[in-house]
Amino acid sequence: MSGEFPVIQSKHSLVAKHVTKERWDKVKDIKTKTCGFTIAKACACAIEFDNQHCGIYAGDWDCYKDFSEIFDAVIQDYHGIKPDAKHTSDMDASKVTGNINKDVPVHSTRIRVGRSIDGYGLSPGITKQQRIDVEKLMSSALSKL
């Protein structure tokens, strides 16, 4: 169980702003179905360190449902969106425009790729057995290419 309301070291983080004692108490004893993640595990970085901006990480998809009052508030604040905002996708590459100045070329960039497979934990919460199962699943899939 997650226990008593913690001292949040990252005083200016989104966790400090949105994880109130009232919200904490509502979810402190919940463990997610997929990998047993708790709100304490999700907020561990903001609780333990004083340099976090956001400070919360989902251990699995269930975190977004089980701890929705907290995650929704943090996500909305972080992205500057309203509670009724809807995500839209547009994969038409011709609509992507840029302003790269040829006199100041980009020397490097980074692309972050996250993986999520239904029924398995995300990076912060995946169990050892789930990692083994994902490895087998991916090995099987890649061997068929």
Protein backbone atom coordinates (compact mmCIF):
# COMPACT_ATOMS: atom_id res chain seq x y z
CA MET A 1 0.00 0.00 0.00
CA SER A 2 1.12 3.55 -0.68
CA GLY A 3 0.60 4.75 2.90
CA GLU A 4 0.46 8.24 4.25
CA PHE A 5 0.55 11.38 2.15
CA PRO A 6 4.22 11.94 1.28
CA VAL A 7 6.50 14.92 1.53
CA ILE A 8 7.00 15.93 -2.09
CA GLN A 9 10.60 17.10 -2.55
CA SER A 10 9.97 18.69 -5.96
CA LYS A 11 8.01 21.61 -4.51
CA HIS A 12 7.43 23.30 -7.88
CA SER A 13 6.50 20.15 -9.82
CA LEU A 14 3.15 19.33 -11.34
CA VAL A 15 2.90 16.54 -8.78
CA ALA A 16 3.22 19.07 -5.95
CA LYS A 17 0.52 21.16 -7.60
CA HIS A 18 -1.98 18.39 -8.38
CA VAL A 19 -1.37 15.56 -5.91
CA THR A 20 -3.30 16.81 -2.93
CA LYS A 21 -3.87 14.84 0.26
CA GLU A 22 -7.52 14.45 -0.71
CA ARG A 23 -6.61 12.99 -4.12
CA TRP A 24 -3.86 10.83 -2.61
CA ASP A 25 -6.18 9.36 -0.01
CA LYS A 26 -8.69 8.33 -2.70
CA VAL A 27 -6.12 6.18 -4.56
CA LYS A 28 -3.34 5.37 -2.09
CA ASP A 29 -4.33 1.72 -1.67
CA ILE A 30 -4.98 0.94 -5.34
CA LYS A 31 -2.64 -1.41 -7.19
CA THR A 32 -3.05 -1.55 -10.95
CA LYS A 33 -4.13 -4.83 -12.52
CA THR A 34 -1.39 -5.07 -15.14
CA CYS A 35 1.68 -4.71 -12.93
CA GLY A 36 0.63 -3.71 -9.43
CA PHE A 37 1.69 -0.07 -9.81
CA THR A 38 0.70 2.38 -7.07
CA ILE A 39 0.35 6.13 -6.93
CA ALA A 40 3.45 6.17 -4.70
CA LYS A 41 5.47 4.44 -7.44
CA ALA A 42 4.02 6.78 -10.08
CA CYS A 43 5.04 9.87 -8.07
CA ALA A 44 8.34 8.48 -6.72
CA CYS A 45 10.58 10.89 -8.67
CA ALA A 46 8.82 13.99 -7.33
CA ILE A 47 8.71 12.51 -3.84
CA GLU A 48 12.40 11.57 -3.76
CA PHE A 49 14.07 14.31 -5.83
CA ASP A 50 13.82 18.10 -5.69
CA ASN A 51 14.42 18.78 -9.39
CA GLN A 52 11.39 17.37 -11.20
CA HIS A 53 9.14 19.47 -13.43
CA CYS A 54 6.44 16.90 -13.99
CA GLY A 55 7.38 14.11 -11.57
CA ILE A 56 4.83 11.41 -12.43
CA TYR A 57 5.17 8.33 -14.64
CA ALA A 58 2.57 5.73 -15.55
CA GLY A 59 3.65 2.17 -14.85
CA ASP A 60 0.99 0.75 -17.15
CA TRP A 61 -2.14 1.78 -19.02
CA ASP A 62 -4.24 1.15 -15.92
CA CYS A 63 -2.57 4.12 -14.18
CA TYR A 64 -4.40 6.49 -16.51
CA LYS A 65 -7.74 4.97 -15.41
CA ASP A 66 -7.09 4.09 -11.77
CA PHE A 67 -5.39 7.41 -10.96
CA SER A 68 -7.28 9.46 -13.56
CA GLU A 69 -8.11 12.41 -11.32
CA ILE A 70 -4.38 13.00 -10.80
CA PHE A 71 -3.07 12.02 -14.24
CA ASP A 72 -5.76 14.03 -16.06
CA ALA A 73 -4.95 17.17 -14.05
CA VAL A 74 -1.19 16.81 -14.64
CA ILE A 75 -1.58 16.06 -18.36
CA GLN A 76 -3.98 18.96 -18.89
CA ASP A 77 -1.68 21.37 -17.06
CA TYR A 78 1.46 20.12 -18.82
CA HIS A 79 -0.07 20.42 -22.30
CA GLY A 80 -2.21 23.47 -21.59
CA ILE A 81 -5.41 21.71 -22.64
CA LYS A 82 -8.93 21.72 -21.24
CA PRO A 83 -10.63 18.64 -19.75
CA ASP A 84 -12.85 18.25 -22.83
CA ALA A 85 -9.95 18.37 -25.33
CA LYS A 86 -9.89 15.58 -27.92
CA HIS A 87 -6.77 14.18 -29.57
CA THR A 88 -6.72 14.30 -33.36
CA SER A 89 -4.24 12.58 -35.64
CA ASP A 90 -3.24 13.78 -39.07
CA MET A 91 -0.56 11.71 -40.75
CA ASP A 92 -0.47 13.82 -43.94
CA ALA A 93 3.25 14.66 -44.19
CA SER A 94 2.59 17.40 -46.76
CA LYS A 95 1.07 19.49 -43.97
CA VAL A 96 4.30 19.53 -41.99
CA THR A 97 6.16 22.78 -42.53
CA GLY A 98 9.34 23.98 -40.98
CA ASN A 99 11.47 27.02 -40.57
CA ILE A 100 14.97 25.57 -40.71
CA ASN A 101 17.38 28.29 -41.72
CA LYS A 102 19.97 26.96 -44.18
CA ASP A 103 22.56 29.23 -42.57
CA VAL A 104 21.97 27.54 -39.22
CA PRO A 105 21.63 23.84 -39.99
CA VAL A 106 20.46 21.25 -37.50
CA HIS A 107 23.48 19.18 -36.44
CA SER A 108 21.65 16.57 -34.46
CA THR A 109 18.22 15.63 -33.24
CA ARG A 110 16.63 13.00 -31.09
CA ILE A 111 13.56 10.93 -31.69
CA ARG A 112 12.05 9.27 -28.65
CA VAL A 113 10.22 6.04 -29.26
CA GLY A 114 8.12 4.48 -26.55
CA ARG A 115 6.56 1.10 -26.78
CA SER A 116 3.33 -0.07 -25.32
CA ILE A 117 1.85 -3.49 -25.86
CA ASP A 118 -1.60 -4.08 -24.46
CA GLY A 119 -1.48 -6.15 -21.30
CA TYR A 120 2.15 -5.34 -20.41
CA GLY A 121 3.54 -2.68 -18.12
CA LEU A 122 5.22 0.45 -19.43
CA SER A 123 8.91 1.03 -18.69
CA PRO A 124 8.52 2.18 -15.06
CA GLY A 125 6.22 -0.69 -14.11
CA ILE A 126 6.95 -3.67 -16.30
CA THR A 127 7.67 -6.82 -14.32
CA LYS A 128 10.56 -9.19 -15.01
CA GLN A 129 8.16 -11.84 -16.32
CA GLN A 130 6.49 -9.28 -18.59
CA ARG A 131 9.93 -8.31 -19.98
CA ILE A 132 10.65 -11.96 -20.73
CA ASP A 133 7.24 -12.36 -22.38
CA VAL A 134 7.72 -9.19 -24.47
CA GLU A 135 11.15 -10.44 -25.60
CA LYS A 136 9.60 -13.75 -26.72
CA LEU A 137 6.73 -11.95 -28.43
CA MET A 138 9.06 -9.60 -30.31
CA SER A 139 11.54 -12.35 -31.20
CA SER A 140 8.69 -14.39 -32.66
CA ALA A 141 7.33 -11.42 -34.61
CA LEU A 142 10.73 -10.36 -35.96
CA SER A 143 11.65 -13.90 -36.98
CA LYS A 144 8.72 -13.83 -39.41
CA LEU A 145 10.02 -10.80 -41.34
